[in-house]
Amino acid sequence: MVLDDRRAFFLVSLSTSILTIAVHNLFQPYKDKSVNAFVTINHWLVFLLVLILLLSDTSMFSGESYWMADFTLVAVTLVLVLMLVLVGVRS
C-alpha cells in the first residue's frame, strides 16, 4: 500500500501503532514478563516517534522550541527504560 498523502500516512501510522499496543497488552505473547515489557516499551516508542513527526509536520514547533519536543521525547524514553529495568529487577 502506497501512501502518497501525508494525512493518510499519519492516520495509518497512528492507527497501526495504537493497535499494536492494544493487541500486545491484551495477548501478552511472550512467557517472560521482561520480554513483554521490552516489546511494550518498543511499541510506545514507535507511537511517540509517529506523534513527534505529526507535531513536527503541523509546524507546532518552530525555531528554538524544538528543544522542548526533543527533551520531552528523551525524558519519556528514559522513564520507559527505567520502568523496564524495574520490571526486570522484580522478576
Protein backbone atom coordinates (compact mmCIF):
# COMPACT_ATOMS: atom_id res chain seq x y z
CA MET A 1 0.00 0.00 0.00
CA VAL A 2 1.49 3.29 -1.08
CA LEU A 3 0.50 6.35 0.89
CA ASP A 4 1.32 9.45 -1.11
CA ASP A 5 -0.75 11.77 1.08
CA ARG A 6 0.82 12.75 4.41
CA ARG A 7 -2.54 12.81 6.16
CA ALA A 8 -3.26 9.22 5.14
CA PHE A 9 0.25 8.17 6.15
CA PHE A 10 -0.11 9.64 9.64
CA LEU A 11 -3.59 8.19 10.07
CA VAL A 12 -2.42 4.70 9.12
CA SER A 13 0.76 5.02 11.21
CA LEU A 14 -1.04 6.21 14.34
CA SER A 15 -3.78 3.60 13.96
CA THR A 16 -1.26 0.81 13.48
CA SER A 17 0.89 1.82 16.43
CA ILE A 18 -2.12 2.16 18.74
CA LEU A 19 -3.45 -1.20 17.56
CA THR A 20 -0.11 -2.93 18.18
CA ILE A 21 0.00 -1.55 21.72
CA ALA A 22 -3.54 -2.74 22.42
CA VAL A 23 -3.07 -6.20 20.89
CA HIS A 24 0.22 -6.79 22.65
CA ASN A 25 -1.18 -5.72 26.03
CA LEU A 26 -4.21 -7.94 25.50
CA PHE A 27 -2.44 -11.14 24.47
CA GLN A 28 0.99 -10.81 26.16
CA PRO A 29 2.51 -13.27 23.64
CA TYR A 30 5.81 -13.92 25.44
CA LYS A 31 6.14 -16.09 28.53
CA ASP A 32 8.89 -13.93 30.02
CA LYS A 33 7.47 -10.78 31.62
CA SER A 34 10.61 -8.74 30.97
CA VAL A 35 10.45 -9.51 27.24
CA ASN A 36 6.79 -8.47 27.21
CA ALA A 37 7.73 -5.24 28.97
CA PHE A 38 10.54 -4.59 26.49
CA VAL A 39 8.24 -5.10 23.49
CA THR A 40 5.55 -2.91 25.05
CA ILE A 41 8.08 -0.12 25.53
CA ASN A 42 9.18 -0.61 21.94
CA HIS A 43 5.58 -0.15 20.77
CA TRP A 44 5.21 3.01 22.86
CA LEU A 45 8.42 4.47 21.43
CA VAL A 46 7.19 3.86 17.89
CA PHE A 47 3.92 5.59 18.81
CA LEU A 48 5.79 8.56 20.30
CA LEU A 49 8.00 8.82 17.24
CA VAL A 50 5.00 9.00 14.91
CA LEU A 51 3.39 11.53 17.23
CA ILE A 52 6.50 13.74 17.21
CA LEU A 53 6.62 13.51 13.41
CA LEU A 54 2.98 14.56 13.29
CA LEU A 55 3.61 17.52 15.58
CA SER A 56 6.63 18.48 13.50
CA ASP A 57 4.56 18.35 10.33
CA THR A 58 1.98 20.73 11.76
CA SER A 59 4.72 23.30 12.38
CA MET A 60 3.69 23.45 16.01
CA PHE A 61 7.34 23.77 16.99
CA SER A 62 9.45 26.35 15.27
CA GLY A 63 12.94 27.67 15.81
CA GLU A 64 14.18 27.29 19.35
CA SER A 65 11.15 25.41 20.70
CA TYR A 66 12.31 22.19 19.02
CA TRP A 67 14.46 21.51 22.06
CA MET A 68 11.28 21.15 24.18
CA ALA A 69 9.97 18.38 21.94
CA ASP A 70 13.39 16.70 21.91
CA PHE A 71 13.75 16.95 25.67
CA THR A 72 10.25 15.56 26.20
CA LEU A 73 10.90 12.61 23.92
CA VAL A 74 14.23 11.82 25.60
CA ALA A 75 12.67 12.16 29.08
CA VAL A 76 9.78 9.85 28.21
CA THR A 77 12.23 7.35 26.71
CA LEU A 78 14.32 7.39 29.90
CA VAL A 79 11.22 6.86 32.04
CA LEU A 80 10.17 3.90 29.87
CA VAL A 81 13.66 2.37 30.12
CA LEU A 82 13.61 2.89 33.89
CA MET A 83 10.26 1.08 34.02
CA LEU A 84 11.82 -1.76 32.01
CA VAL A 85 14.71 -2.02 34.49
CA LEU A 86 12.30 -2.06 37.44
CA VAL A 87 10.24 -4.84 35.83
CA GLY A 88 13.47 -6.80 35.26
CA VAL A 89 14.52 -6.37 38.90
CA ARG A 90 11.15 -7.58 40.19
CA SER A 91 11.24 -10.74 38.04
